[in-house]
Amino acid sequence: MNLIEVEKTVNEIKNNGGVGKAYEVDVTDRKQEGEAVEDVLEEFSKIDILVNNTVITMDSILIKMTEEQWDRVIDVILKECLTVVRY
């Protein structure tokens, strides 16, 4: 889902009487993640719904991936879910 589609979803939520906000965050930047979570908690006091929509593309098949590429995939897709939810 791209940011335009996310904004459309947020607008639909608002048009139906709800409250929402979208954030685009570099999930490999733990400081940026923390700042986004703090912003949400400051504005809304809690997080009711969290959508982790993280994507990373490595233009290589698994057997040809370097260990560094594999570590990046794991960090971006799996580790970010853990760090965001822990806040």
PDB file of N, CA and C in Angstrom:
ATOM      1  N   MET A   1       0.852  -1.165   0.000  1.00  0.00           N
ATOM      2  CA  MET A   1       0.000   0.000   0.000  1.00  0.00           C
ATOM      3  C   MET A   1       0.903   1.236   0.000  1.00  0.00           C
ATOM      4  N   ASN A   2       0.665   2.136  -0.930  1.00  0.00           N
ATOM      5  CA  ASN A   2       1.492   3.342  -0.964  1.00  0.00           C
ATOM      6  C   ASN A   2       0.864   4.435  -0.103  1.00  0.00           C
ATOM      7  N   LEU A   3       1.598   5.517   0.087  1.00  0.00           N
ATOM      8  CA  LEU A   3       1.161   6.572   0.993  1.00  0.00           C
ATOM      9  C   LEU A   3      -0.142   7.229   0.534  1.00  0.00           C
ATOM     10  N   ILE A   4      -0.365   7.334  -0.760  1.00  0.00           N
ATOM     11  CA  ILE A   4      -1.610   7.918  -1.268  1.00  0.00           C
ATOM     12  C   ILE A   4      -2.800   7.054  -0.848  1.00  0.00           C
ATOM     13  N   GLU A   5      -2.674   5.743  -0.970  1.00  0.00           N
ATOM     14  CA  GLU A   5      -3.747   4.842  -0.558  1.00  0.00           C
ATOM     15  C   GLU A   5      -3.966   4.903   0.952  1.00  0.00           C
ATOM     16  N   VAL A   6      -2.888   5.043   1.689  1.00  0.00           N
ATOM     17  CA  VAL A   6      -2.996   5.151   3.141  1.00  0.00           C
ATOM     18  C   VAL A   6      -3.752   6.421   3.508  1.00  0.00           C
ATOM     19  N   GLU A   7      -3.415   7.535   2.863  1.00  0.00           N
ATOM     20  CA  GLU A   7      -4.116   8.793   3.138  1.00  0.00           C
ATOM     21  C   GLU A   7      -5.596   8.685   2.778  1.00  0.00           C
ATOM     22  N   LYS A   8      -5.915   7.995   1.694  1.00  0.00           N
ATOM     23  CA  LYS A   8      -7.318   7.777   1.330  1.00  0.00           C
ATOM     24  C   LYS A   8      -8.042   7.013   2.441  1.00  0.00           C
ATOM     25  N   THR A   9      -7.380   6.014   2.996  1.00  0.00           N
ATOM     26  CA  THR A   9      -7.966   5.232   4.084  1.00  0.00           C
ATOM     27  C   THR A   9      -8.194   6.104   5.309  1.00  0.00           C
ATOM     28  N   VAL A  10      -7.216   6.923   5.647  1.00  0.00           N
ATOM     29  CA  VAL A  10      -7.356   7.830   6.792  1.00  0.00           C
ATOM     30  C   VAL A  10      -8.518   8.789   6.555  1.00  0.00           C
ATOM     31  N   ASN A  11      -8.627   9.333   5.351  1.00  0.00           N
ATOM     32  CA  ASN A  11      -9.738  10.241   5.037  1.00  0.00           C
ATOM     33  C   ASN A  11     -11.090   9.543   5.141  1.00  0.00           C
ATOM     34  N   GLU A  12     -11.141   8.289   4.710  1.00  0.00           N
ATOM     35  CA  GLU A  12     -12.384   7.522   4.812  1.00  0.00           C
ATOM     36  C   GLU A  12     -12.764   7.311   6.279  1.00  0.00           C
ATOM     37  N   ILE A  13     -11.784   7.025   7.094  1.00  0.00           N
ATOM     38  CA  ILE A  13     -12.024   6.861   8.532  1.00  0.00           C
ATOM     39  C   ILE A  13     -12.587   8.161   9.110  1.00  0.00           C
ATOM     40  N   LYS A  14     -11.957   9.286   8.753  1.00  0.00           N
ATOM     41  CA  LYS A  14     -12.402  10.590   9.260  1.00  0.00           C
ATOM     42  C   LYS A  14     -13.804  10.930   8.746  1.00  0.00           C
ATOM     43  N   ASN A  15     -14.064  10.632   7.472  1.00  0.00           N
ATOM     44  CA  ASN A  15     -15.376  10.917   6.891  1.00  0.00           C
ATOM     45  C   ASN A  15     -16.495  10.105   7.539  1.00  0.00           C
ATOM     46  N   ASN A  16     -16.117   9.012   8.190  1.00  0.00           N
ATOM     47  CA  ASN A  16     -17.099   8.165   8.876  1.00  0.00           C
ATOM     48  C   ASN A  16     -17.096   8.397  10.382  1.00  0.00           C
ATOM     49  N   GLY A  17     -16.533   9.538  10.800  1.00  0.00           N
ATOM     50  CA  GLY A  17     -16.582   9.923  12.205  1.00  0.00           C
ATOM     51  C   GLY A  17     -15.445   9.427  13.070  1.00  0.00           C
ATOM     52  N   GLY A  18     -14.498   8.744  12.487  1.00  0.00           N
ATOM     53  CA  GLY A  18     -13.368   8.241  13.257  1.00  0.00           C
ATOM     54  C   GLY A  18     -12.198   9.211  13.268  1.00  0.00           C
ATOM     55  N   VAL A  19     -11.138   8.795  13.891  1.00  0.00           N
ATOM     56  CA  VAL A  19      -9.925   9.593  13.980  1.00  0.00           C
ATOM     57  C   VAL A  19      -8.767   8.711  13.549  1.00  0.00           C
ATOM     58  N   GLY A  20      -7.890   9.255  12.739  1.00  0.00           N
ATOM     59  CA  GLY A  20      -6.736   8.474  12.303  1.00  0.00           C
ATOM     60  C   GLY A  20      -5.641   9.357  11.770  1.00  0.00           C
ATOM     61  N   LYS A  21      -4.481   8.807  11.647  1.00  0.00           N
ATOM     62  CA  LYS A  21      -3.332   9.530  11.132  1.00  0.00           C
ATOM     63  C   LYS A  21      -2.360   8.516  10.542  1.00  0.00           C
ATOM     64  N   ALA A  22      -1.734   8.880   9.444  1.00  0.00           N
ATOM     65  CA  ALA A  22      -0.760   7.999   8.799  1.00  0.00           C
ATOM     66  C   ALA A  22       0.646   8.547   9.004  1.00  0.00           C
ATOM     67  N   TYR A  23       1.593   7.650   9.153  1.00  0.00           N
ATOM     68  CA  TYR A  23       2.990   8.020   9.313  1.00  0.00           C
ATOM     69  C   TYR A  23       3.825   7.231   8.329  1.00  0.00           C
ATOM     70  N   GLU A  24       4.764   7.893   7.702  1.00  0.00           N
ATOM     71  CA  GLU A  24       5.750   7.202   6.878  1.00  0.00           C
ATOM     72  C   GLU A  24       7.058   7.260   7.647  1.00  0.00           C
ATOM     73  N   VAL A  25       7.548   6.081   8.027  1.00  0.00           N
ATOM     74  CA  VAL A  25       8.705   6.004   8.915  1.00  0.00           C
ATOM     75  C   VAL A  25       9.725   5.031   8.336  1.00  0.00           C
ATOM     76  N   ASP A  26      10.993   5.401   8.408  1.00  0.00           N
ATOM     77  CA  ASP A  26      12.077   4.491   8.050  1.00  0.00           C
ATOM     78  C   ASP A  26      12.249   3.535   9.223  1.00  0.00           C
ATOM     79  N   VAL A  27      11.799   2.310   9.057  1.00  0.00           N
ATOM     80  CA  VAL A  27      11.786   1.355  10.166  1.00  0.00           C
ATOM     81  C   VAL A  27      13.173   0.889  10.584  1.00  0.00           C
ATOM     82  N   THR A  28      14.181   1.226   9.815  1.00  0.00           N
ATOM     83  CA  THR A  28      15.541   0.889  10.232  1.00  0.00           C
ATOM     84  C   THR A  28      16.133   1.989  11.103  1.00  0.00           C
ATOM     85  N   ASP A  29      15.415   3.086  11.249  1.00  0.00           N
ATOM     86  CA  ASP A  29      15.845   4.205  12.083  1.00  0.00           C
ATOM     87  C   ASP A  29      15.041   4.156  13.379  1.00  0.00           C
ATOM     88  N   ARG A  30      15.619   3.546  14.407  1.00  0.00           N
ATOM     89  CA  ARG A  30      14.899   3.346  15.662  1.00  0.00           C
ATOM     90  C   ARG A  30      14.468   4.670  16.288  1.00  0.00           C
ATOM     91  N   LYS A  31      15.280   5.730  16.117  1.00  0.00           N
ATOM     92  CA  LYS A  31      14.927   7.039  16.654  1.00  0.00           C
ATOM     93  C   LYS A  31      13.665   7.569  15.971  1.00  0.00           C
ATOM     94  N   GLN A  32      13.602   7.437  14.656  1.00  0.00           N
ATOM     95  CA  GLN A  32      12.428   7.887  13.901  1.00  0.00           C
ATOM     96  C   GLN A  32      11.186   7.098  14.314  1.00  0.00           C
ATOM     97  N   GLU A  33      11.351   5.798  14.499  1.00  0.00           N
ATOM     98  CA  GLU A  33      10.236   4.970  14.978  1.00  0.00           C
ATOM     99  C   GLU A  33       9.726   5.479  16.319  1.00  0.00           C
ATOM    100  N   GLY A  34      10.653   5.696  17.230  1.00  0.00           N
ATOM    101  CA  GLY A  34      10.285   6.154  18.571  1.00  0.00           C
ATOM    102  C   GLY A  34       9.582   7.497  18.554  1.00  0.00           C
ATOM    103  N   GLU A  35      10.071   8.403  17.711  1.00  0.00           N
ATOM    104  CA  GLU A  35       9.455   9.726  17.602  1.00  0.00           C
ATOM    105  C   GLU A  35       8.025   9.624  17.066  1.00  0.00           C
ATOM    106  N   ALA A  36       7.810   8.742  16.102  1.00  0.00           N
ATOM    107  CA  ALA A  36       6.454   8.559  15.551  1.00  0.00           C
ATOM    108  C   ALA A  36       5.521   8.008  16.621  1.00  0.00           C
ATOM    109  N   VAL A  37       5.985   7.023  17.373  1.00  0.00           N
ATOM    110  CA  VAL A  37       5.162   6.437  18.430  1.00  0.00           C
ATOM    111  C   VAL A  37       4.866   7.484  19.502  1.00  0.00           C
ATOM    112  N   GLU A  38       5.877   8.245  19.893  1.00  0.00           N
ATOM    113  CA  GLU A  38       5.667   9.305  20.889  1.00  0.00           C
ATOM    114  C   GLU A  38       4.657  10.336  20.395  1.00  0.00           C
ATOM    115  N   ASP A  39       4.716  10.691  19.116  1.00  0.00           N
ATOM    116  CA  ASP A  39       3.771  11.636  18.527  1.00  0.00           C
ATOM    117  C   ASP A  39       2.342  11.100  18.608  1.00  0.00           C
ATOM    118  N   VAL A  40       2.191   9.827  18.281  1.00  0.00           N
ATOM    119  CA  VAL A  40       0.863   9.199  18.349  1.00  0.00           C
ATOM    120  C   VAL A  40       0.353   9.209  19.788  1.00  0.00           C
ATOM    121  N   LEU A  41       1.186   8.807  20.731  1.00  0.00           N
ATOM    122  CA  LEU A  41       0.756   8.754  22.125  1.00  0.00           C
ATOM    123  C   LEU A  41       0.445  10.136  22.669  1.00  0.00           C
ATOM    124  N   GLU A  42       1.192  11.135  22.241  1.00  0.00           N
ATOM    125  CA  GLU A  42       0.927  12.513  22.675  1.00  0.00           C
ATOM    126  C   GLU A  42      -0.415  13.002  22.132  1.00  0.00           C
ATOM    127  N   GLU A  43      -0.692  12.686  20.873  1.00  0.00           N
ATOM    128  CA  GLU A  43      -1.919  13.164  20.238  1.00  0.00           C
ATOM    129  C   GLU A  43      -3.149  12.351  20.628  1.00  0.00           C
ATOM    130  N   PHE A  44      -2.996  11.012  20.723  1.00  0.00           N
ATOM    131  CA  PHE A  44      -4.156  10.144  20.927  1.00  0.00           C
ATOM    132  C   PHE A  44      -4.161   9.412  22.271  1.00  0.00           C
ATOM    133  N   SER A  45      -3.089   9.462  23.010  1.00  0.00           N
ATOM    134  CA  SER A  45      -2.884   8.832  24.318  1.00  0.00           C
ATOM    135  C   SER A  45      -2.711   7.309  24.276  1.00  0.00           C
ATOM    136  N   LYS A  46      -3.136   6.676  23.191  1.00  0.00           N
ATOM    137  CA  LYS A  46      -2.930   5.232  23.058  1.00  0.00           C
ATOM    138  C   LYS A  46      -2.989   4.855  21.577  1.00  0.00           C
ATOM    139  N   ILE A  47      -2.566   3.644  21.283  1.00  0.00           N
ATOM    140  CA  ILE A  47      -2.638   3.122  19.919  1.00  0.00           C
ATOM    141  C   ILE A  47      -3.674   2.011  19.913  1.00  0.00           C
ATOM    142  N   ASP A  48      -4.754   2.229  19.177  1.00  0.00           N
ATOM    143  CA  ASP A  48      -5.798   1.205  19.070  1.00  0.00           C
ATOM    144  C   ASP A  48      -5.503   0.223  17.945  1.00  0.00           C
ATOM    145  N   ILE A  49      -5.013   0.747  16.819  1.00  0.00           N
ATOM    146  CA  ILE A  49      -4.722  -0.097  15.662  1.00  0.00           C
ATOM    147  C   ILE A  49      -3.353   0.296  15.122  1.00  0.00           C
ATOM    148  N   LEU A  50      -2.534  -0.695  14.902  1.00  0.00           N
ATOM    149  CA  LEU A  50      -1.205  -0.467  14.336  1.00  0.00           C
ATOM    150  C   LEU A  50      -1.052  -1.369  13.124  1.00  0.00           C
ATOM    151  N   VAL A  51      -0.789  -0.771  11.980  1.00  0.00           N
ATOM    152  CA  VAL A  51      -0.574  -1.538  10.753  1.00  0.00           C
ATOM    153  C   VAL A  51       0.899  -1.439  10.389  1.00  0.00           C
ATOM    154  N   ASN A  52       1.594  -2.546  10.492  1.00  0.00           N
ATOM    155  CA  ASN A  52       2.988  -2.612  10.058  1.00  0.00           C
ATOM    156  C   ASN A  52       2.982  -3.056   8.605  1.00  0.00           C
ATOM    157  N   ASN A  53       3.174  -2.117   7.720  1.00  0.00           N
ATOM    158  CA  ASN A  53       3.132  -2.400   6.290  1.00  0.00           C
ATOM    159  C   ASN A  53       4.531  -2.179   5.722  1.00  0.00           C
ATOM    160  N   THR A  54       5.432  -3.056   6.102  1.00  0.00           N
ATOM    161  CA  THR A  54       6.833  -2.899   5.741  1.00  0.00           C
ATOM    162  C   THR A  54       7.192  -3.742   4.530  1.00  0.00           C
ATOM    163  N   VAL A  55       7.919  -3.125   3.624  1.00  0.00           N
ATOM    164  CA  VAL A  55       8.327  -3.825   2.402  1.00  0.00           C
ATOM    165  C   VAL A  55       9.802  -3.541   2.147  1.00  0.00           C
ATOM    166  N   ILE A  56      10.506  -4.548   1.729  1.00  0.00           N
ATOM    167  CA  ILE A  56      11.886  -4.382   1.282  1.00  0.00           C
ATOM    168  C   ILE A  56      12.086  -5.316   0.099  1.00  0.00           C
ATOM    169  N   THR A  57      12.784  -4.848  -0.893  1.00  0.00           N
ATOM    170  CA  THR A  57      13.039  -5.659  -2.075  1.00  0.00           C
ATOM    171  C   THR A  57      14.541  -5.890  -2.211  1.00  0.00           C
ATOM    172  N   MET A  58      14.900  -7.120  -2.305  1.00  0.00           N
ATOM    173  CA  MET A  58      16.277  -7.502  -2.610  1.00  0.00           C
ATOM    174  C   MET A  58      16.225  -8.202  -3.956  1.00  0.00           C
ATOM    175  N   ASP A  59      16.851  -7.625  -4.929  1.00  0.00           N
ATOM    176  CA  ASP A  59      16.785  -8.175  -6.283  1.00  0.00           C
ATOM    177  C   ASP A  59      17.722  -9.365  -6.433  1.00  0.00           C
ATOM    178  N   SER A  60      17.382 -10.397  -5.668  1.00  0.00           N
ATOM    179  CA  SER A  60      18.192 -11.605  -5.702  1.00  0.00           C
ATOM    180  C   SER A  60      17.336 -12.754  -5.170  1.00  0.00           C
ATOM    181  N   ILE A  61      17.586 -13.929  -5.695  1.00  0.00           N
ATOM    182  CA  ILE A  61      16.903 -15.091  -5.143  1.00  0.00           C
ATOM    183  C   ILE A  61      17.626 -15.496  -3.864  1.00  0.00           C
ATOM    184  N   LEU A  62      16.941 -16.190  -3.016  1.00  0.00           N
ATOM    185  CA  LEU A  62      17.470 -16.542  -1.700  1.00  0.00           C
ATOM    186  C   LEU A  62      18.858 -17.171  -1.765  1.00  0.00           C
ATOM    187  N   ILE A  63      19.039 -18.076  -2.673  1.00  0.00           N
ATOM    188  CA  ILE A  63      20.320 -18.796  -2.747  1.00  0.00           C
ATOM    189  C   ILE A  63      21.490 -17.873  -3.128  1.00  0.00           C
ATOM    190  N   LYS A  64      21.191 -16.740  -3.768  1.00  0.00           N
ATOM    191  CA  LYS A  64      22.239 -15.803  -4.182  1.00  0.00           C
ATOM    192  C   LYS A  64      22.399 -14.617  -3.238  1.00  0.00           C
ATOM    193  N   MET A  65      21.544 -14.534  -2.236  1.00  0.00           N
ATOM    194  CA  MET A  65      21.622 -13.409  -1.304  1.00  0.00           C
ATOM    195  C   MET A  65      22.857 -13.522  -0.432  1.00  0.00           C
ATOM    196  N   THR A  66      23.472 -12.369  -0.172  1.00  0.00           N
ATOM    197  CA  THR A  66      24.590 -12.351   0.769  1.00  0.00           C
ATOM    198  C   THR A  66      24.021 -12.379   2.182  1.00  0.00           C
ATOM    199  N   GLU A  67      24.846 -12.669   3.130  1.00  0.00           N
ATOM    200  CA  GLU A  67      24.398 -12.673   4.516  1.00  0.00           C
ATOM    201  C   GLU A  67      23.953 -11.266   4.937  1.00  0.00           C
ATOM    202  N   GLU A  68      24.635 -10.248   4.442  1.00  0.00           N
ATOM    203  CA  GLU A  68      24.265  -8.874   4.759  1.00  0.00           C
ATOM    204  C   GLU A  68      22.867  -8.539   4.213  1.00  0.00           C
ATOM    205  N   GLN A  69      22.576  -8.996   2.990  1.00  0.00           N
ATOM    206  CA  GLN A  69      21.245  -8.766   2.415  1.00  0.00           C
ATOM    207  C   GLN A  69      20.178  -9.474   3.254  1.00  0.00           C
ATOM    208  N   TRP A  70      20.458 -10.699   3.631  1.00  0.00           N
ATOM    209  CA  TRP A  70      19.513 -11.462   4.437  1.00  0.00           C
ATOM    210  C   TRP A  70      19.276 -10.783   5.787  1.00  0.00           C
ATOM    211  N   ASP A  71      20.346 -10.318   6.423  1.00  0.00           N
ATOM    212  CA  ASP A  71      20.220  -9.617   7.702  1.00  0.00           C
ATOM    213  C   ASP A  71      19.363  -8.364   7.554  1.00  0.00           C
ATOM    214  N   ARG A  72      19.512  -7.661   6.457  1.00  0.00           N
ATOM    215  CA  ARG A  72      18.717  -6.444   6.206  1.00  0.00           C
ATOM    216  C   ARG A  72      17.231  -6.798   6.075  1.00  0.00           C
ATOM    217  N   VAL A  73      16.938  -7.862   5.356  1.00  0.00           N
ATOM    218  CA  VAL A  73      15.538  -8.302   5.212  1.00  0.00           C
ATOM    219  C   VAL A  73      14.951  -8.623   6.586  1.00  0.00           C
ATOM    220  N   ILE A  74      15.677  -9.371   7.389  1.00  0.00           N
ATOM    221  CA  ILE A  74      15.211  -9.746   8.725  1.00  0.00           C
ATOM    222  C   ILE A  74      15.019  -8.498   9.586  1.00  0.00           C
ATOM    223  N   ASP A  75      15.989  -7.571   9.552  1.00  0.00           N
ATOM    224  CA  ASP A  75      15.885  -6.345  10.341  1.00  0.00           C
ATOM    225  C   ASP A  75      14.687  -5.503   9.939  1.00  0.00           C
ATOM    226  N   VAL A  76      14.467  -5.363   8.646  1.00  0.00           N
ATOM    227  CA  VAL A  76      13.399  -4.487   8.165  1.00  0.00           C
ATOM    228  C   VAL A  76      12.024  -5.108   8.388  1.00  0.00           C
ATOM    229  N   ILE A  77      11.860  -6.361   8.069  1.00  0.00           N
ATOM    230  CA  ILE A  77      10.526  -6.962   8.109  1.00  0.00           C
ATOM    231  C   ILE A  77      10.161  -7.518   9.483  1.00  0.00           C
ATOM    232  N   LEU A  78      11.040  -8.234  10.115  1.00  0.00           N
ATOM    233  CA  LEU A  78      10.687  -8.882  11.373  1.00  0.00           C
ATOM    234  C   LEU A  78      11.015  -8.038  12.604  1.00  0.00           C
ATOM    235  N   LYS A  79      12.225  -7.518  12.638  1.00  0.00           N
ATOM    236  CA  LYS A  79      12.660  -6.808  13.827  1.00  0.00           C
ATOM    237  C   LYS A  79      11.856  -5.533  14.056  1.00  0.00           C
ATOM    238  N   GLU A  80      11.476  -4.846  12.982  1.00  0.00           N
ATOM    239  CA  GLU A  80      10.724  -3.607  13.159  1.00  0.00           C
ATOM    240  C   GLU A  80       9.369  -3.862  13.798  1.00  0.00           C
ATOM    241  N   CYS A  81       8.753  -4.978  13.481  1.00  0.00           N
ATOM    242  CA  CYS A  81       7.470  -5.297  14.118  1.00  0.00           C
ATOM    243  C   CYS A  81       7.640  -5.389  15.626  1.00  0.00           C
ATOM    244  N   LEU A  82       8.693  -6.038  16.047  1.00  0.00           N
ATOM    245  CA  LEU A  82       8.967  -6.200  17.466  1.00  0.00           C
ATOM    246  C   LEU A  82       9.242  -4.849  18.127  1.00  0.00           C
ATOM    247  N   THR A  83      10.076  -4.023  17.517  1.00  0.00           N
ATOM    248  CA  THR A  83      10.440  -2.770  18.159  1.00  0.00           C
ATOM    249  C   THR A  83       9.278  -1.798  18.236  1.00  0.00           C
ATOM    250  N   VAL A  84       8.448  -1.742  17.205  1.00  0.00           N
ATOM    251  CA  VAL A  84       7.305  -0.826  17.235  1.00  0.00           C
ATOM    252  C   VAL A  84       6.277  -1.276  18.270  1.00  0.00           C
ATOM    253  N   VAL A  85       5.996  -2.551  18.318  1.00  0.00           N
ATOM    254  CA  VAL A  85       5.002  -3.061  19.259  1.00  0.00           C
ATOM    255  C   VAL A  85       5.461  -2.891  20.701  1.00  0.00           C
ATOM    256  N   ARG A  86       6.744  -2.939  20.958  1.00  0.00           N
ATOM    257  CA  ARG A  86       7.263  -2.796  22.321  1.00  0.00           C
ATOM    258  C   ARG A  86       7.038  -1.417  22.912  1.00  0.00           C
ATOM    259  N   TYR A  87       6.887  -0.421  22.081  1.00  0.00           N
ATOM    260  CA  TYR A  87       6.656   0.923  22.616  1.00  0.00           C
ATOM    261  C   TYR A  87       5.367   0.917  23.379  1.00  0.00           C
TER     262      TYR A  87
END
